[in-house]
Amino acid sequence: MTDWTTADIPSLNGRTAVITGATGGLGYETALALAGAGAQVVLTGRNDAKGRDALQTIRSQVPNARIVYENLDLGSLVSVVDFAKRFAAAHRSLDLLINNAGVMALPQRQTTADGFEMQFGTNYLGHYALTAHLLPSLRRGNQPRVVNLSSLTHRSGSIDFGDLQGTRSYSPRKAYSQSKLAMLMFALELQRRSDASGWGLMSNAAHPGYARTDLIANGPDAGGLVGLLNRFLQPALSQSAAEGALPTLFAATSPDAKPAGYYGPNGFYELKGPPVPAKIMPQAKDAAVAAQLWDVSALLTGLSFAQIVAAA
């Protein structure tokens, strides 16, 4: 497993995958690899021009790629509903859902179309809602998997139920860490709920380590002394977006990936290297907090997984 690469991805012929935030960076590399392995890939993003460019580039590298682009803004619950309806109309089932999209450490507090703090709303609540709406399609899938993208920053995160939306005190890094901890906790709780309710899912999570993507390049540390230091250390500590996508691809496709597993790079501090099981901090394993987060998410989004399953 320590030398796992895209060459180890099994044939994905006959399988359908949805990837959020797939017009660039980790999501694009994930889409490219899955298309190369024969999957039917639904690449999603907010920028239609970038979506068209991504399709063209992937098709130039994988001439027989079965890939389409669909607009999806995870910062809008209406957009999530619209996408889920379009997907259900075009596809009977879904085998792989990769919740990859994200925004990082916004300097000033911003809100989504629904009034949620942008990082919590986009990185986490949007994916909670998307997974809920796609659950009937996933249950019709062939050994369906859901992969959530977390981050090394989950290690410093906590779920602040008293100020989830950062209205009293906003910190870019605190909000980002909270959203990525929420994504890991969501993966673990989704597996618990699937096991208890018989949904038949494998839910796991991954993180890319320190991958060179636009999320990093355009992040809060891009300028000044910290940015200069990052650029100096980057060659030694970081890896490409394609390498950063390997833990996600392992979680999504490997026969060795486990339910409620978490995967990241095998190098120093999990910054770079081939995928291996990653460290999960104790707060991410707190089942009581995860259950509370699930209930709060259902309240905020107005979505009940159980009701969606019952209505399907």
Protein backbone atom coordinates (compact mmCIF):
# COMPACT_ATOMS: atom_id res chain seq x y z
CA MET A 1 0.00 0.00 0.00
CA THR A 2 2.89 2.38 0.65
CA ASP A 3 3.60 2.53 -3.10
CA TRP A 4 -0.03 2.83 -4.22
CA THR A 5 -0.52 4.88 -7.41
CA THR A 6 -3.21 5.46 -10.02
CA ALA A 7 -1.94 2.32 -11.76
CA ASP A 8 -3.48 0.36 -8.88
CA ILE A 9 -7.00 1.69 -9.50
CA PRO A 10 -9.15 -1.28 -10.57
CA SER A 11 -11.33 -1.10 -13.66
CA LEU A 12 -14.26 1.23 -13.04
CA ASN A 13 -16.20 0.29 -16.15
CA GLY A 14 -19.91 0.48 -15.44
CA ARG A 15 -19.47 2.70 -12.39
CA THR A 16 -20.71 6.29 -12.06
CA ALA A 17 -18.92 8.94 -10.00
CA VAL A 18 -19.85 12.46 -8.92
CA ILE A 19 -17.00 14.77 -7.88
CA THR A 20 -17.60 18.22 -6.39
CA GLY A 21 -15.18 21.05 -7.09
CA ALA A 22 -13.66 19.17 -10.01
CA THR A 23 -12.76 21.97 -12.44
CA GLY A 24 -9.27 22.31 -10.98
CA GLY A 25 -6.81 21.10 -8.36
CA LEU A 26 -7.50 17.91 -6.45
CA GLY A 27 -10.98 17.45 -7.88
CA TYR A 28 -9.74 17.73 -11.45
CA GLU A 29 -6.96 15.20 -10.82
CA THR A 30 -9.48 12.86 -9.21
CA ALA A 31 -11.81 13.18 -12.20
CA LEU A 32 -8.95 12.56 -14.63
CA ALA A 33 -7.88 9.38 -12.84
CA LEU A 34 -11.41 8.00 -12.51
CA ALA A 35 -12.16 8.72 -16.18
CA GLY A 36 -8.91 7.00 -17.12
CA ALA A 37 -10.03 3.91 -15.19
CA GLY A 38 -13.29 3.76 -17.14
CA ALA A 39 -15.77 5.41 -14.79
CA GLN A 40 -18.60 7.57 -16.02
CA VAL A 41 -17.71 10.85 -14.32
CA VAL A 42 -19.94 13.79 -13.48
CA LEU A 43 -17.59 16.69 -12.90
CA THR A 44 -19.16 19.59 -11.00
CA GLY A 45 -18.24 23.18 -10.25
CA ARG A 46 -19.51 26.74 -10.06
CA ASN A 47 -17.69 28.13 -13.11
CA ASP A 48 -19.07 26.83 -16.40
CA ALA A 49 -16.12 28.13 -18.43
CA LYS A 50 -13.68 26.26 -16.19
CA GLY A 51 -15.93 23.23 -16.47
CA ARG A 52 -15.73 23.27 -20.26
CA ASP A 53 -11.96 23.68 -20.12
CA ALA A 54 -11.63 20.76 -17.71
CA LEU A 55 -13.72 18.53 -19.98
CA GLN A 56 -11.64 19.46 -23.01
CA THR A 57 -8.36 18.79 -21.20
CA ILE A 58 -9.47 15.44 -19.78
CA ARG A 59 -10.79 14.31 -23.16
CA SER A 60 -7.47 15.24 -24.76
CA GLN A 61 -5.71 12.88 -22.33
CA VAL A 62 -8.42 10.21 -22.16
CA PRO A 63 -9.98 10.15 -25.63
CA ASN A 64 -12.69 7.65 -24.66
CA ALA A 65 -13.55 9.42 -21.42
CA ARG A 66 -17.20 9.27 -20.42
CA ILE A 67 -17.39 12.57 -18.62
CA VAL A 68 -19.85 15.45 -18.35
CA TYR A 69 -19.89 18.75 -16.49
CA GLU A 70 -22.76 19.98 -14.33
CA ASN A 71 -23.05 23.29 -12.52
CA LEU A 72 -23.22 22.92 -8.74
CA ASP A 73 -22.78 25.64 -6.13
CA LEU A 74 -22.48 24.06 -2.69
CA GLY A 75 -23.07 27.47 -1.16
CA SER A 76 -26.69 27.32 -2.34
CA LEU A 77 -29.14 24.69 -1.13
CA VAL A 78 -31.31 25.49 -4.17
CA SER A 79 -28.38 24.69 -6.47
CA VAL A 80 -27.82 21.41 -4.60
CA VAL A 81 -31.47 20.43 -5.07
CA ASP A 82 -31.39 21.38 -8.76
CA PHE A 83 -28.26 19.32 -9.36
CA ALA A 84 -29.64 16.29 -7.53
CA LYS A 85 -32.83 16.42 -9.63
CA ARG A 86 -30.82 16.63 -12.87
CA PHE A 87 -28.62 13.76 -11.78
CA ALA A 88 -31.57 11.55 -10.84
CA ALA A 89 -33.22 12.27 -14.19
CA ALA A 90 -30.11 11.23 -16.11
CA HIS A 91 -28.80 8.36 -13.98
CA ARG A 92 -30.51 5.46 -12.25
CA SER A 93 -27.77 5.00 -9.66
CA LEU A 94 -24.56 6.44 -8.20
CA ASP A 95 -21.54 4.39 -7.17
CA LEU A 96 -19.01 7.00 -6.02
CA LEU A 97 -19.67 10.38 -4.42
CA ILE A 98 -16.52 12.38 -3.75
CA ASN A 99 -17.21 15.44 -1.62
CA ASN A 100 -14.10 17.39 -2.58
CA ALA A 101 -15.03 21.06 -3.08
CA GLY A 102 -13.99 23.69 -0.59
CA VAL A 103 -13.05 27.26 0.19
CA MET A 104 -10.20 28.06 2.54
CA ALA A 105 -9.57 30.56 5.33
CA LEU A 106 -11.48 33.52 3.88
CA PRO A 107 -9.95 36.67 5.44
CA GLN A 108 -13.33 38.30 6.06
CA ARG A 109 -16.50 36.55 7.16
CA GLN A 110 -18.78 35.87 4.21
CA THR A 111 -22.06 34.03 3.96
CA THR A 112 -23.64 31.59 1.53
CA ALA A 113 -26.89 32.18 -0.32
CA ASP A 114 -28.66 30.62 2.66
CA GLY A 115 -26.92 32.81 5.25
CA PHE A 116 -24.41 30.25 6.55
CA GLU A 117 -20.80 31.19 7.24
CA MET A 118 -19.13 30.52 3.90
CA GLN A 119 -16.63 27.84 4.93
CA PHE A 120 -19.00 25.90 7.18
CA GLY A 121 -21.79 26.28 4.61
CA THR A 122 -19.79 25.38 1.49
CA ASN A 123 -17.26 22.88 2.81
CA TYR A 124 -19.62 20.99 5.09
CA LEU A 125 -23.35 21.83 5.01
CA GLY A 126 -23.49 21.84 1.21
CA HIS A 127 -21.96 18.36 1.16
CA TYR A 128 -24.29 17.16 3.91
CA ALA A 129 -27.24 18.32 1.79
CA LEU A 130 -25.83 16.88 -1.43
CA THR A 131 -25.22 13.48 0.16
CA ALA A 132 -28.75 13.46 1.58
CA HIS A 133 -30.33 14.25 -1.79
CA LEU A 134 -28.19 11.65 -3.58
CA LEU A 135 -28.74 8.93 -0.98
CA PRO A 136 -31.49 7.15 -2.97
CA SER A 137 -29.19 7.01 -6.01
CA LEU A 138 -26.31 5.79 -3.87
CA ARG A 139 -28.44 3.03 -2.38
CA ARG A 140 -29.10 1.77 -5.92
CA GLY A 141 -25.36 1.82 -6.66
CA ASN A 142 -22.92 -1.07 -6.89
CA GLN A 143 -21.05 -1.18 -3.57
CA PRO A 144 -21.47 2.60 -3.22
CA ARG A 145 -18.85 4.73 -1.52
CA VAL A 146 -18.88 8.29 -0.19
CA VAL A 147 -15.51 9.98 0.30
CA ASN A 148 -15.24 13.23 2.26
CA LEU A 149 -12.24 15.53 1.91
CA SER A 150 -10.89 16.58 5.27
CA SER A 151 -7.56 18.21 6.09
CA LEU A 152 -4.60 18.14 8.42
CA THR A 153 -6.21 21.21 9.97
CA HIS A 154 -8.92 19.01 11.48
CA ARG A 155 -6.31 18.35 14.18
CA SER A 156 -6.75 21.87 15.56
CA GLY A 157 -10.48 22.03 14.93
CA SER A 158 -13.46 21.96 17.26
CA ILE A 159 -17.21 22.14 16.68
CA ASP A 160 -18.38 25.35 18.35
CA PHE A 161 -22.12 24.78 18.71
CA GLY A 162 -22.38 28.12 20.48
CA ASP A 163 -21.10 30.00 17.43
CA LEU A 164 -21.17 27.61 14.45
CA GLN A 165 -21.55 30.46 11.99
CA GLY A 166 -18.86 32.70 13.45
CA THR A 167 -21.27 35.54 14.07
CA ARG A 168 -19.84 36.48 17.47
CA SER A 169 -16.18 35.93 16.68
CA TYR A 170 -14.85 35.08 13.23
CA SER A 171 -11.40 33.58 12.69
CA PRO A 172 -10.49 32.40 9.16
CA ARG A 173 -8.47 29.44 10.37
CA LYS A 174 -10.86 28.46 13.13
CA ALA A 175 -13.74 28.43 10.66
CA TYR A 176 -11.76 26.39 8.14
CA SER A 177 -10.57 23.89 10.74
CA GLN A 178 -14.11 23.51 12.06
CA SER A 179 -15.44 22.82 8.55
CA LYS A 180 -12.79 20.18 7.87
CA LEU A 181 -13.29 18.52 11.25
CA ALA A 182 -17.01 18.48 10.45
CA MET A 183 -16.29 16.71 7.15
CA LEU A 184 -14.30 13.97 8.89
CA MET A 185 -16.93 13.57 11.59
CA PHE A 186 -19.62 13.44 8.90
CA ALA A 187 -17.79 10.58 7.17
CA LEU A 188 -17.58 8.58 10.39
CA GLU A 189 -21.17 9.33 11.43
CA LEU A 190 -22.49 8.49 7.96
CA GLN A 191 -20.91 5.05 8.28
CA ARG A 192 -22.48 4.56 11.71
CA ARG A 193 -25.91 5.60 10.40
CA SER A 194 -25.57 3.46 7.29
CA ASP A 195 -24.66 0.42 9.36
CA ALA A 196 -27.57 1.03 11.75
CA SER A 197 -30.15 1.69 9.03
CA GLY A 198 -28.99 -0.72 6.33
CA TRP A 199 -28.19 1.91 3.69
CA GLY A 200 -25.32 -0.22 2.34
CA LEU A 201 -22.74 2.57 2.06
CA MET A 202 -19.03 2.62 2.60
CA SER A 203 -18.23 6.06 3.99
CA ASN A 204 -14.65 7.16 4.50
CA ALA A 205 -12.44 10.24 4.27
CA ALA A 206 -9.10 11.45 2.99
CA HIS A 207 -6.78 14.43 3.11
CA PRO A 208 -4.18 15.55 0.54
CA GLY A 209 -1.37 16.59 2.88
CA TYR A 210 0.35 19.71 1.58
CA ALA A 211 -0.69 19.68 -2.08
CA ARG A 212 0.15 22.50 -4.46
CA THR A 213 -3.28 23.76 -5.53
CA ASP A 214 -4.93 27.12 -6.14
CA LEU A 215 -6.54 26.76 -2.71
CA ILE A 216 -3.06 27.09 -1.20
CA ALA A 217 -1.67 29.53 -3.76
CA ASN A 218 -4.58 31.94 -3.25
CA GLY A 219 -4.91 31.33 0.48
CA PRO A 220 -4.30 33.70 3.38
CA ASP A 221 -0.58 32.91 3.54
CA ALA A 222 0.11 33.60 -0.14
CA GLY A 223 1.76 36.96 0.53
CA GLY A 224 4.21 38.49 2.99
CA LEU A 225 6.84 36.74 5.06
CA VAL A 226 4.77 33.60 5.62
CA GLY A 227 4.15 33.32 1.88
CA LEU A 228 7.85 33.71 1.17
CA LEU A 229 8.68 31.05 3.74
CA ASN A 230 6.07 28.72 2.26
CA ARG A 231 7.53 29.13 -1.22
CA PHE A 232 11.02 28.42 0.10
CA LEU A 233 9.94 25.26 1.92
CA GLN A 234 7.35 24.12 -0.59
CA PRO A 235 9.61 21.94 -2.78
CA ALA A 236 10.71 19.89 0.23
CA LEU A 237 7.40 19.67 2.06
CA SER A 238 4.72 19.64 -0.61
CA GLN A 239 3.52 17.47 -3.48
CA SER A 240 1.63 18.03 -6.71
CA ALA A 241 -2.15 18.13 -6.92
CA ALA A 242 -2.04 14.77 -8.72
CA GLU A 243 -0.11 13.26 -5.82
CA GLY A 244 -2.40 14.97 -3.33
CA ALA A 245 -5.40 13.30 -4.97
CA LEU A 246 -4.03 9.79 -4.33
CA PRO A 247 -5.50 9.39 -0.82
CA THR A 248 -8.93 10.31 -2.20
CA LEU A 249 -8.55 7.88 -5.08
CA PHE A 250 -7.44 5.13 -2.71
CA ALA A 251 -10.44 5.75 -0.44
CA ALA A 252 -12.78 5.76 -3.45
CA THR A 253 -11.49 2.74 -5.36
CA SER A 254 -9.12 0.45 -3.47
CA PRO A 255 -10.39 -2.95 -2.30
CA ASP A 256 -8.23 -2.33 0.79
CA ALA A 257 -10.04 0.88 1.80
CA LYS A 258 -12.11 0.40 4.94
CA PRO A 259 -15.49 1.72 6.11
CA ALA A 260 -14.88 4.74 8.37
CA GLY A 261 -11.26 4.76 7.18
CA TYR A 262 -9.19 7.93 6.85
CA TYR A 263 -6.29 8.18 4.40
CA GLY A 264 -3.46 10.62 3.82
CA PRO A 265 0.20 10.76 2.73
CA ASN A 266 2.75 8.55 4.46
CA GLY A 267 5.53 11.14 4.84
CA PHE A 268 6.58 13.49 7.63
CA TYR A 269 3.51 14.92 9.38
CA GLU A 270 1.45 13.38 6.56
CA LEU A 271 2.51 16.25 4.27
CA LYS A 272 3.46 14.22 1.19
CA GLY A 273 3.85 10.68 -0.04
CA PRO A 274 1.72 7.72 -1.12
CA PRO A 275 -1.56 7.07 0.72
CA VAL A 276 -1.72 5.23 4.05
CA PRO A 277 -4.14 5.29 6.99
CA ALA A 278 -4.05 8.78 8.49
CA LYS A 279 -4.23 9.96 12.08
CA ILE A 280 -7.70 10.79 13.38
CA MET A 281 -7.72 13.18 16.32
CA PRO A 282 -9.81 12.26 19.40
CA GLN A 283 -12.34 15.06 18.85
CA ALA A 284 -13.21 13.57 15.44
CA LYS A 285 -14.07 10.26 17.10
CA ASP A 286 -16.54 11.78 19.58
CA ALA A 287 -19.77 10.00 18.61
CA ALA A 288 -21.94 12.19 20.83
CA VAL A 289 -20.69 15.40 19.21
CA ALA A 290 -21.02 13.80 15.77
CA ALA A 291 -24.64 12.89 16.49
CA GLN A 292 -25.33 16.44 17.67
CA LEU A 293 -23.67 17.86 14.56
CA TRP A 294 -25.83 15.58 12.40
CA ASP A 295 -29.00 16.77 14.13
CA VAL A 296 -28.00 20.43 13.86
CA SER A 297 -27.17 19.95 10.18
CA ALA A 298 -30.58 18.40 9.57
CA LEU A 299 -32.21 21.38 11.26
CA LEU A 300 -30.16 23.98 9.37
CA THR A 301 -30.68 22.39 5.95
CA GLY A 302 -34.19 21.07 6.56
CA LEU A 303 -33.07 17.63 5.41
CA SER A 304 -33.59 14.29 7.11
CA PHE A 305 -31.73 11.31 5.63
CA ALA A 306 -34.33 8.94 7.09
CA GLN A 307 -37.21 10.84 5.52
CA ILE A 308 -35.45 10.97 2.15
CA VAL A 309 -34.93 7.20 2.25
CA ALA A 310 -38.55 6.63 3.25
CA ALA A 311 -39.82 8.82 0.43
CA ALA A 312 -37.63 7.24 -2.26
